[in-house]
Amino acid sequence: MTLNIKNPYLESLLTEVAQITGESKTEVVRKALEERRQRLSLGGTRRLNAVRLWMLLQDEIWPQIPAEQRGVRLLKVEQESILGYNEDGV
């Protein structure tokens, strides 16, 4: 199958990248497409992981927190104590 590029800017960009990398134009296009495919598939994985995390929080984590504690924010001093901060720093 032949790829015919009719966009002058794209042809120039392809030539420039090929010269910089020392790769053929075919190799530049192949790598670009593989990298984009990988990024797109990772995006789907991230969304799926976000849904899984939300379900884990909703179904398993939050039910273990006493109702009177849910939605209560810690005071700054409480946060710093948990992190190990004191008047001398860490």
PDB file of N, CA and C in Angstrom:
ATOM      1  N   MET A   1       0.845  -1.172   0.000  1.00  0.00           N
ATOM      2  CA  MET A   1       0.000   0.000   0.000  1.00  0.00           C
ATOM      3  C   MET A   1       0.891   1.236   0.000  1.00  0.00           C
ATOM      4  N   THR A   2       0.539   2.217  -0.778  1.00  0.00           N
ATOM      5  CA  THR A   2       1.315   3.436  -0.909  1.00  0.00           C
ATOM      6  C   THR A   2       0.641   4.563  -0.155  1.00  0.00           C
ATOM      7  N   LEU A   3       1.459   5.375   0.514  1.00  0.00           N
ATOM      8  CA  LEU A   3       0.950   6.550   1.216  1.00  0.00           C
ATOM      9  C   LEU A   3       1.404   7.769   0.429  1.00  0.00           C
ATOM     10  N   ASN A   4       0.467   8.582   0.003  1.00  0.00           N
ATOM     11  CA  ASN A   4       0.770   9.763  -0.788  1.00  0.00           C
ATOM     12  C   ASN A   4       0.444  10.992   0.054  1.00  0.00           C
ATOM     13  N   ILE A   5       1.463  11.716   0.465  1.00  0.00           N
ATOM     14  CA  ILE A   5       1.279  12.894   1.312  1.00  0.00           C
ATOM     15  C   ILE A   5       1.219  14.125   0.423  1.00  0.00           C
ATOM     16  N   LYS A   6       0.098  14.830   0.467  1.00  0.00           N
ATOM     17  CA  LYS A   6      -0.111  16.002  -0.391  1.00  0.00           C
ATOM     18  C   LYS A   6      -0.042  17.309   0.387  1.00  0.00           C
ATOM     19  N   ASN A   7       0.170  17.223   1.681  1.00  0.00           N
ATOM     20  CA  ASN A   7       0.240  18.418   2.515  1.00  0.00           C
ATOM     21  C   ASN A   7       1.706  18.860   2.605  1.00  0.00           C
ATOM     22  N   PRO A   8       2.044  20.038   2.076  1.00  0.00           N
ATOM     23  CA  PRO A   8       3.444  20.490   2.068  1.00  0.00           C
ATOM     24  C   PRO A   8       4.038  20.616   3.476  1.00  0.00           C
ATOM     25  N   TYR A   9       3.247  21.083   4.415  1.00  0.00           N
ATOM     26  CA  TYR A   9       3.755  21.217   5.789  1.00  0.00           C
ATOM     27  C   TYR A   9       4.079  19.847   6.364  1.00  0.00           C
ATOM     28  N   LEU A  10       3.203  18.892   6.169  1.00  0.00           N
ATOM     29  CA  LEU A  10       3.423  17.542   6.677  1.00  0.00           C
ATOM     30  C   LEU A  10       4.645  16.907   6.022  1.00  0.00           C
ATOM     31  N   GLU A  11       4.790  17.094   4.721  1.00  0.00           N
ATOM     32  CA  GLU A  11       5.963  16.562   4.013  1.00  0.00           C
ATOM     33  C   GLU A  11       7.247  17.182   4.560  1.00  0.00           C
ATOM     34  N   SER A  12       7.211  18.471   4.827  1.00  0.00           N
ATOM     35  CA  SER A  12       8.379  19.159   5.376  1.00  0.00           C
ATOM     36  C   SER A  12       8.700  18.656   6.778  1.00  0.00           C
ATOM     37  N   LEU A  13       7.675  18.502   7.582  1.00  0.00           N
ATOM     38  CA  LEU A  13       7.848  18.001   8.943  1.00  0.00           C
ATOM     39  C   LEU A  13       8.411  16.579   8.936  1.00  0.00           C
ATOM     40  N   LEU A  14       7.873  15.752   8.079  1.00  0.00           N
ATOM     41  CA  LEU A  14       8.341  14.377   7.963  1.00  0.00           C
ATOM     42  C   LEU A  14       9.816  14.337   7.543  1.00  0.00           C
ATOM     43  N   THR A  15      10.164  15.145   6.581  1.00  0.00           N
ATOM     44  CA  THR A  15      11.558  15.212   6.116  1.00  0.00           C
ATOM     45  C   THR A  15      12.476  15.681   7.240  1.00  0.00           C
ATOM     46  N   GLU A  16      12.042  16.698   7.967  1.00  0.00           N
ATOM     47  CA  GLU A  16      12.846  17.237   9.070  1.00  0.00           C
ATOM     48  C   GLU A  16      13.077  16.185  10.156  1.00  0.00           C
ATOM     49  N   VAL A  17      12.031  15.483  10.562  1.00  0.00           N
ATOM     50  CA  VAL A  17      12.164  14.458  11.601  1.00  0.00           C
ATOM     51  C   VAL A  17      13.051  13.316  11.111  1.00  0.00           C
ATOM     52  N   ALA A  18      12.903  12.946   9.861  1.00  0.00           N
ATOM     53  CA  ALA A  18      13.733  11.872   9.303  1.00  0.00           C
ATOM     54  C   ALA A  18      15.205  12.282   9.310  1.00  0.00           C
ATOM     55  N   GLN A  19      15.493  13.536   8.976  1.00  0.00           N
ATOM     56  CA  GLN A  19      16.877  14.009   8.980  1.00  0.00           C
ATOM     57  C   GLN A  19      17.443  14.053  10.398  1.00  0.00           C
ATOM     58  N   ILE A  20      16.641  14.503  11.339  1.00  0.00           N
ATOM     59  CA  ILE A  20      17.100  14.592  12.733  1.00  0.00           C
ATOM     60  C   ILE A  20      17.399  13.203  13.296  1.00  0.00           C
ATOM     61  N   THR A  21      16.510  12.246  13.021  1.00  0.00           N
ATOM     62  CA  THR A  21      16.653  10.912  13.608  1.00  0.00           C
ATOM     63  C   THR A  21      17.542   9.985  12.796  1.00  0.00           C
ATOM     64  N   GLY A  22      17.752  10.324  11.513  1.00  0.00           N
ATOM     65  CA  GLY A  22      18.511   9.439  10.643  1.00  0.00           C
ATOM     66  C   GLY A  22      17.703   8.232  10.189  1.00  0.00           C
ATOM     67  N   GLU A  23      16.397   8.283  10.402  1.00  0.00           N
ATOM     68  CA  GLU A  23      15.510   7.185  10.011  1.00  0.00           C
ATOM     69  C   GLU A  23      14.896   7.482   8.647  1.00  0.00           C
ATOM     70  N   SER A  24      14.381   6.440   8.024  1.00  0.00           N
ATOM     71  CA  SER A  24      13.652   6.644   6.767  1.00  0.00           C
ATOM     72  C   SER A  24      12.308   7.298   7.089  1.00  0.00           C
ATOM     73  N   LYS A  25      11.703   7.878   6.081  1.00  0.00           N
ATOM     74  CA  LYS A  25      10.381   8.486   6.284  1.00  0.00           C
ATOM     75  C   LYS A  25       9.364   7.426   6.710  1.00  0.00           C
ATOM     76  N   THR A  26       9.483   6.249   6.150  1.00  0.00           N
ATOM     77  CA  THR A  26       8.580   5.154   6.520  1.00  0.00           C
ATOM     78  C   THR A  26       8.723   4.827   8.002  1.00  0.00           C
ATOM     79  N   GLU A  27       9.968   4.768   8.477  1.00  0.00           N
ATOM     80  CA  GLU A  27      10.219   4.452   9.887  1.00  0.00           C
ATOM     81  C   GLU A  27       9.681   5.558  10.795  1.00  0.00           C
ATOM     82  N   VAL A  28       9.832   6.799  10.385  1.00  0.00           N
ATOM     83  CA  VAL A  28       9.318   7.928  11.175  1.00  0.00           C
ATOM     84  C   VAL A  28       7.802   7.820  11.313  1.00  0.00           C
ATOM     85  N   VAL A  29       7.121   7.547  10.206  1.00  0.00           N
ATOM     86  CA  VAL A  29       5.660   7.419  10.238  1.00  0.00           C
ATOM     87  C   VAL A  29       5.255   6.227  11.096  1.00  0.00           C
ATOM     88  N   ARG A  30       5.939   5.086  10.930  1.00  0.00           N
ATOM     89  CA  ARG A  30       5.604   3.884  11.711  1.00  0.00           C
ATOM     90  C   ARG A  30       5.724   4.152  13.206  1.00  0.00           C
ATOM     91  N   LYS A  31       6.851   4.751  13.609  1.00  0.00           N
ATOM     92  CA  LYS A  31       7.052   5.015  15.037  1.00  0.00           C
ATOM     93  C   LYS A  31       6.021   6.009  15.565  1.00  0.00           C
ATOM     94  N   ALA A  32       5.725   7.034  14.786  1.00  0.00           N
ATOM     95  CA  ALA A  32       4.741   8.034  15.219  1.00  0.00           C
ATOM     96  C   ALA A  32       3.373   7.390  15.436  1.00  0.00           C
ATOM     97  N   LEU A  33       2.990   6.531  14.512  1.00  0.00           N
ATOM     98  CA  LEU A  33       1.686   5.870  14.647  1.00  0.00           C
ATOM     99  C   LEU A  33       1.661   4.895  15.813  1.00  0.00           C
ATOM    100  N   GLU A  34       2.742   4.158  16.012  1.00  0.00           N
ATOM    101  CA  GLU A  34       2.791   3.230  17.147  1.00  0.00           C
ATOM    102  C   GLU A  34       2.752   3.982  18.471  1.00  0.00           C
ATOM    103  N   GLU A  35       3.490   5.084  18.566  1.00  0.00           N
ATOM    104  CA  GLU A  35       3.488   5.880  19.796  1.00  0.00           C
ATOM    105  C   GLU A  35       2.104   6.459  20.067  1.00  0.00           C
ATOM    106  N   ARG A  36       1.436   6.936  19.022  1.00  0.00           N
ATOM    107  CA  ARG A  36       0.092   7.493  19.212  1.00  0.00           C
ATOM    108  C   ARG A  36      -0.895   6.407  19.635  1.00  0.00           C
ATOM    109  N   ARG A  37      -0.803   5.246  18.987  1.00  0.00           N
ATOM    110  CA  ARG A  37      -1.683   4.133  19.371  1.00  0.00           C
ATOM    111  C   ARG A  37      -1.492   3.776  20.835  1.00  0.00           C
ATOM    112  N   GLN A  38      -0.233   3.749  21.283  1.00  0.00           N
ATOM    113  CA  GLN A  38       0.049   3.426  22.681  1.00  0.00           C
ATOM    114  C   GLN A  38      -0.545   4.480  23.623  1.00  0.00           C
ATOM    115  N   ARG A  39      -0.381   5.762  23.272  1.00  0.00           N
ATOM    116  CA  ARG A  39      -0.953   6.831  24.112  1.00  0.00           C
ATOM    117  C   ARG A  39      -2.464   6.730  24.184  1.00  0.00           C
ATOM    118  N   LEU A  40      -3.092   6.441  23.045  1.00  0.00           N
ATOM    119  CA  LEU A  40      -4.556   6.326  23.027  1.00  0.00           C
ATOM    120  C   LEU A  40      -5.030   5.143  23.856  1.00  0.00           C
ATOM    121  N   SER A  41      -4.328   4.032  23.772  1.00  0.00           N
ATOM    122  CA  SER A  41      -4.744   2.864  24.551  1.00  0.00           C
ATOM    123  C   SER A  41      -4.515   3.106  26.037  1.00  0.00           C
ATOM    124  N   LEU A  42      -3.472   3.860  26.400  1.00  0.00           N
ATOM    125  CA  LEU A  42      -3.248   4.198  27.806  1.00  0.00           C
ATOM    126  C   LEU A  42      -4.351   5.097  28.330  1.00  0.00           C
ATOM    127  N   GLY A  43      -4.847   5.993  27.482  1.00  0.00           N
ATOM    128  CA  GLY A  43      -5.941   6.864  27.893  1.00  0.00           C
ATOM    129  C   GLY A  43      -7.164   6.056  28.280  1.00  0.00           C
ATOM    130  N   GLY A  44      -7.465   5.013  27.508  1.00  0.00           N
ATOM    131  CA  GLY A  44      -8.581   4.140  27.834  1.00  0.00           C
ATOM    132  C   GLY A  44      -8.344   3.400  29.131  1.00  0.00           C
ATOM    133  N   THR A  45      -7.106   2.980  29.347  1.00  0.00           N
ATOM    134  CA  THR A  45      -6.746   2.276  30.578  1.00  0.00           C
ATOM    135  C   THR A  45      -6.892   3.205  31.777  1.00  0.00           C
ATOM    136  N   ARG A  46      -6.473   4.453  31.623  1.00  0.00           N
ATOM    137  CA  ARG A  46      -6.586   5.413  32.731  1.00  0.00           C
ATOM    138  C   ARG A  46      -8.039   5.631  33.116  1.00  0.00           C
ATOM    139  N   ARG A  47      -8.909   5.769  32.103  1.00  0.00           N
ATOM    140  CA  ARG A  47     -10.331   5.963  32.406  1.00  0.00           C
ATOM    141  C   ARG A  47     -10.888   4.741  33.128  1.00  0.00           C
ATOM    142  N   LEU A  48     -10.511   3.553  32.651  1.00  0.00           N
ATOM    143  CA  LEU A  48     -10.974   2.324  33.284  1.00  0.00           C
ATOM    144  C   LEU A  48     -10.463   2.243  34.715  1.00  0.00           C
ATOM    145  N   ASN A  49      -9.204   2.597  34.941  1.00  0.00           N
ATOM    146  CA  ASN A  49      -8.651   2.583  36.291  1.00  0.00           C
ATOM    147  C   ASN A  49      -9.360   3.582  37.189  1.00  0.00           C
ATOM    148  N   ALA A  50      -9.726   4.737  36.660  1.00  0.00           N
ATOM    149  CA  ALA A  50     -10.446   5.733  37.451  1.00  0.00           C
ATOM    150  C   ALA A  50     -11.807   5.191  37.883  1.00  0.00           C
ATOM    151  N   VAL A  51     -12.486   4.497  36.980  1.00  0.00           N
ATOM    152  CA  VAL A  51     -13.784   3.895  37.308  1.00  0.00           C
ATOM    153  C   VAL A  51     -13.604   2.816  38.373  1.00  0.00           C
ATOM    154  N   ARG A  52     -12.569   1.992  38.212  1.00  0.00           N
ATOM    155  CA  ARG A  52     -12.300   0.935  39.202  1.00  0.00           C
ATOM    156  C   ARG A  52     -11.995   1.524  40.572  1.00  0.00           C
ATOM    157  N   LEU A  53     -11.197   2.593  40.590  1.00  0.00           N
ATOM    158  CA  LEU A  53     -10.875   3.250  41.860  1.00  0.00           C
ATOM    159  C   LEU A  53     -12.137   3.796  42.512  1.00  0.00           C
ATOM    160  N   TRP A  54     -12.986   4.458  41.734  1.00  0.00           N
ATOM    161  CA  TRP A  54     -14.226   5.006  42.270  1.00  0.00           C
ATOM    162  C   TRP A  54     -15.092   3.893  42.859  1.00  0.00           C
ATOM    163  N   MET A  55     -15.200   2.778  42.162  1.00  0.00           N
ATOM    164  CA  MET A  55     -16.007   1.664  42.659  1.00  0.00           C
ATOM    165  C   MET A  55     -15.410   1.084  43.939  1.00  0.00           C
ATOM    166  N   LEU A  56     -14.080   0.964  43.999  1.00  0.00           N
ATOM    167  CA  LEU A  56     -13.417   0.469  45.202  1.00  0.00           C
ATOM    168  C   LEU A  56     -13.706   1.383  46.390  1.00  0.00           C
ATOM    169  N   LEU A  57     -13.561   2.690  46.178  1.00  0.00           N
ATOM    170  CA  LEU A  57     -13.844   3.640  47.253  1.00  0.00           C
ATOM    171  C   LEU A  57     -15.302   3.538  47.711  1.00  0.00           C
ATOM    172  N   GLN A  58     -16.195   3.543  46.748  1.00  0.00           N
ATOM    173  CA  GLN A  58     -17.628   3.539  47.058  1.00  0.00           C
ATOM    174  C   GLN A  58     -18.086   2.237  47.706  1.00  0.00           C
ATOM    175  N   ASP A  59     -17.588   1.105  47.226  1.00  0.00           N
ATOM    176  CA  ASP A  59     -18.095  -0.188  47.687  1.00  0.00           C
ATOM    177  C   ASP A  59     -17.338  -0.770  48.884  1.00  0.00           C
ATOM    178  N   GLU A  60     -16.040  -0.435  48.999  1.00  0.00           N
ATOM    179  CA  GLU A  60     -15.248  -1.106  50.032  1.00  0.00           C
ATOM    180  C   GLU A  60     -14.632  -0.170  51.071  1.00  0.00           C
ATOM    181  N   ILE A  61     -14.150   0.983  50.650  1.00  0.00           N
ATOM    182  CA  ILE A  61     -13.427   1.860  51.572  1.00  0.00           C
ATOM    183  C   ILE A  61     -14.380   2.734  52.388  1.00  0.00           C
ATOM    184  N   TRP A  62     -15.206   3.511  51.703  1.00  0.00           N
ATOM    185  CA  TRP A  62     -16.076   4.441  52.419  1.00  0.00           C
ATOM    186  C   TRP A  62     -17.039   3.766  53.391  1.00  0.00           C
ATOM    187  N   PRO A  63     -17.583   2.585  53.078  1.00  0.00           N
ATOM    188  CA  PRO A  63     -18.465   1.943  54.056  1.00  0.00           C
ATOM    189  C   PRO A  63     -17.761   1.599  55.380  1.00  0.00           C
ATOM    190  N   GLN A  64     -16.433   1.506  55.380  1.00  0.00           N
ATOM    191  CA  GLN A  64     -15.713   1.194  56.606  1.00  0.00           C
ATOM    192  C   GLN A  64     -15.498   2.433  57.490  1.00  0.00           C
ATOM    193  N   ILE A  65     -15.755   3.599  56.934  1.00  0.00           N
ATOM    194  CA  ILE A  65     -15.590   4.839  57.704  1.00  0.00           C
ATOM    195  C   ILE A  65     -16.892   5.121  58.444  1.00  0.00           C
ATOM    196  N   PRO A  66     -16.823   5.333  59.754  1.00  0.00           N
ATOM    197  CA  PRO A  66     -18.043   5.619  60.516  1.00  0.00           C
ATOM    198  C   PRO A  66     -18.790   6.819  59.924  1.00  0.00           C
ATOM    199  N   ALA A  67     -20.105   6.731  59.909  1.00  0.00           N
ATOM    200  CA  ALA A  67     -20.935   7.764  59.287  1.00  0.00           C
ATOM    201  C   ALA A  67     -20.633   9.156  59.831  1.00  0.00           C
ATOM    202  N   GLU A  68     -20.395   9.256  61.147  1.00  0.00           N
ATOM    203  CA  GLU A  68     -20.154  10.576  61.739  1.00  0.00           C
ATOM    204  C   GLU A  68     -18.804  11.166  61.325  1.00  0.00           C
ATOM    205  N   GLN A  69     -17.926  10.344  60.764  1.00  0.00           N
ATOM    206  CA  GLN A  69     -16.602  10.813  60.326  1.00  0.00           C
ATOM    207  C   GLN A  69     -16.569  11.172  58.836  1.00  0.00           C
ATOM    208  N   ARG A  70     -17.517  10.674  58.066  1.00  0.00           N
ATOM    209  CA  ARG A  70     -17.526  10.919  56.629  1.00  0.00           C
ATOM    210  C   ARG A  70     -17.756  12.396  56.334  1.00  0.00           C
ATOM    211  N   GLY A  71     -16.941  12.933  55.472  1.00  0.00           N
ATOM    212  CA  GLY A  71     -17.094  14.329  55.058  1.00  0.00           C
ATOM    213  C   GLY A  71     -16.492  15.326  56.028  1.00  0.00           C
ATOM    214  N   VAL A  72     -15.941  14.855  57.145  1.00  0.00           N
ATOM    215  CA  VAL A  72     -15.339  15.755  58.133  1.00  0.00           C
ATOM    216  C   VAL A  72     -13.893  16.008  57.715  1.00  0.00           C
ATOM    217  N   ARG A  73     -13.542  17.280  57.629  1.00  0.00           N
ATOM    218  CA  ARG A  73     -12.172  17.629  57.252  1.00  0.00           C
ATOM    219  C   ARG A  73     -11.298  17.694  58.495  1.00  0.00           C
ATOM    220  N   LEU A  74     -10.055  17.256  58.319  1.00  0.00           N
ATOM    221  CA  LEU A  74      -9.099  17.351  59.413  1.00  0.00           C
ATOM    222  C   LEU A  74      -8.637  18.795  59.565  1.00  0.00           C
ATOM    223  N   LEU A  75      -8.359  19.168  60.794  1.00  0.00           N
ATOM    224  CA  LEU A  75      -7.761  20.475  61.039  1.00  0.00           C
ATOM    225  C   LEU A  75      -6.318  20.447  60.553  1.00  0.00           C
ATOM    226  N   LYS A  76      -5.749  21.615  60.291  1.00  0.00           N
ATOM    227  CA  LYS A  76      -4.374  21.692  59.815  1.00  0.00           C
ATOM    228  C   LYS A  76      -3.420  21.022  60.799  1.00  0.00           C
ATOM    229  N   VAL A  77      -3.621  21.254  62.078  1.00  0.00           N
ATOM    230  CA  VAL A  77      -2.749  20.668  63.098  1.00  0.00           C
ATOM    231  C   VAL A  77      -2.857  19.135  63.084  1.00  0.00           C
ATOM    232  N   GLU A  78      -4.054  18.600  62.822  1.00  0.00           N
ATOM    233  CA  GLU A  78      -4.236  17.149  62.736  1.00  0.00           C
ATOM    234  C   GLU A  78      -3.517  16.579  61.508  1.00  0.00           C
ATOM    235  N   GLN A  79      -3.625  17.283  60.372  1.00  0.00           N
ATOM    236  CA  GLN A  79      -2.930  16.843  59.163  1.00  0.00           C
ATOM    237  C   GLN A  79      -1.419  16.836  59.392  1.00  0.00           C
ATOM    238  N   GLU A  80      -0.909  17.889  59.996  1.00  0.00           N
ATOM    239  CA  GLU A  80       0.527  17.992  60.236  1.00  0.00           C
ATOM    240  C   GLU A  80       1.005  16.924  61.211  1.00  0.00           C
ATOM    241  N   SER A  81       0.176  16.594  62.200  1.00  0.00           N
ATOM    242  CA  SER A  81       0.529  15.556  63.158  1.00  0.00           C
ATOM    243  C   SER A  81       0.627  14.195  62.477  1.00  0.00           C
ATOM    244  N   ILE A  82      -0.321  13.906  61.593  1.00  0.00           N
ATOM    245  CA  ILE A  82      -0.305  12.643  60.852  1.00  0.00           C
ATOM    246  C   ILE A  82       0.944  12.550  59.989  1.00  0.00           C
ATOM    247  N   LEU A  83       1.355  13.680  59.397  1.00  0.00           N
ATOM    248  CA  LEU A  83       2.530  13.712  58.537  1.00  0.00           C
ATOM    249  C   LEU A  83       3.835  13.760  59.324  1.00  0.00           C
ATOM    250  N   GLY A  84       3.745  13.912  60.638  1.00  0.00           N
ATOM    251  CA  GLY A  84       4.958  13.924  61.471  1.00  0.00           C
ATOM    252  C   GLY A  84       5.535  15.307  61.686  1.00  0.00           C
ATOM    253  N   TYR A  85       4.773  16.353  61.327  1.00  0.00           N
ATOM    254  CA  TYR A  85       5.263  17.707  61.534  1.00  0.00           C
ATOM    255  C   TYR A  85       5.054  18.107  62.989  1.00  0.00           C
ATOM    256  N   ASN A  86       5.937  18.953  63.506  1.00  0.00           N
ATOM    257  CA  ASN A  86       5.745  19.551  64.802  1.00  0.00           C
ATOM    258  C   ASN A  86       6.334  20.957  64.768  1.00  0.00           C
ATOM    259  N   GLU A  87       6.486  21.586  65.929  1.00  0.00           N
ATOM    260  CA  GLU A  87       6.984  22.956  65.944  1.00  0.00           C
ATOM    261  C   GLU A  87       8.416  23.077  65.439  1.00  0.00           C
ATOM    262  N   ASP A  88       9.165  21.963  65.408  1.00  0.00           N
ATOM    263  CA  ASP A  88      10.541  21.972  64.917  1.00  0.00           C
ATOM    264  C   ASP A  88      10.647  21.559  63.441  1.00  0.00           C
ATOM    265  N   GLY A  89       9.544  21.316  62.793  1.00  0.00           N
ATOM    266  CA  GLY A  89       9.551  20.830  61.413  1.00  0.00           C
ATOM    267  C   GLY A  89       9.212  19.357  61.371  1.00  0.00           C
ATOM    268  N   VAL A  90       9.886  18.637  60.520  1.00  0.00           N
ATOM    269  CA  VAL A  90       9.587  17.203  60.372  1.00  0.00           C
ATOM    270  C   VAL A  90      10.332  16.417  61.430  1.00  0.00           C
TER     271      VAL A  90
END
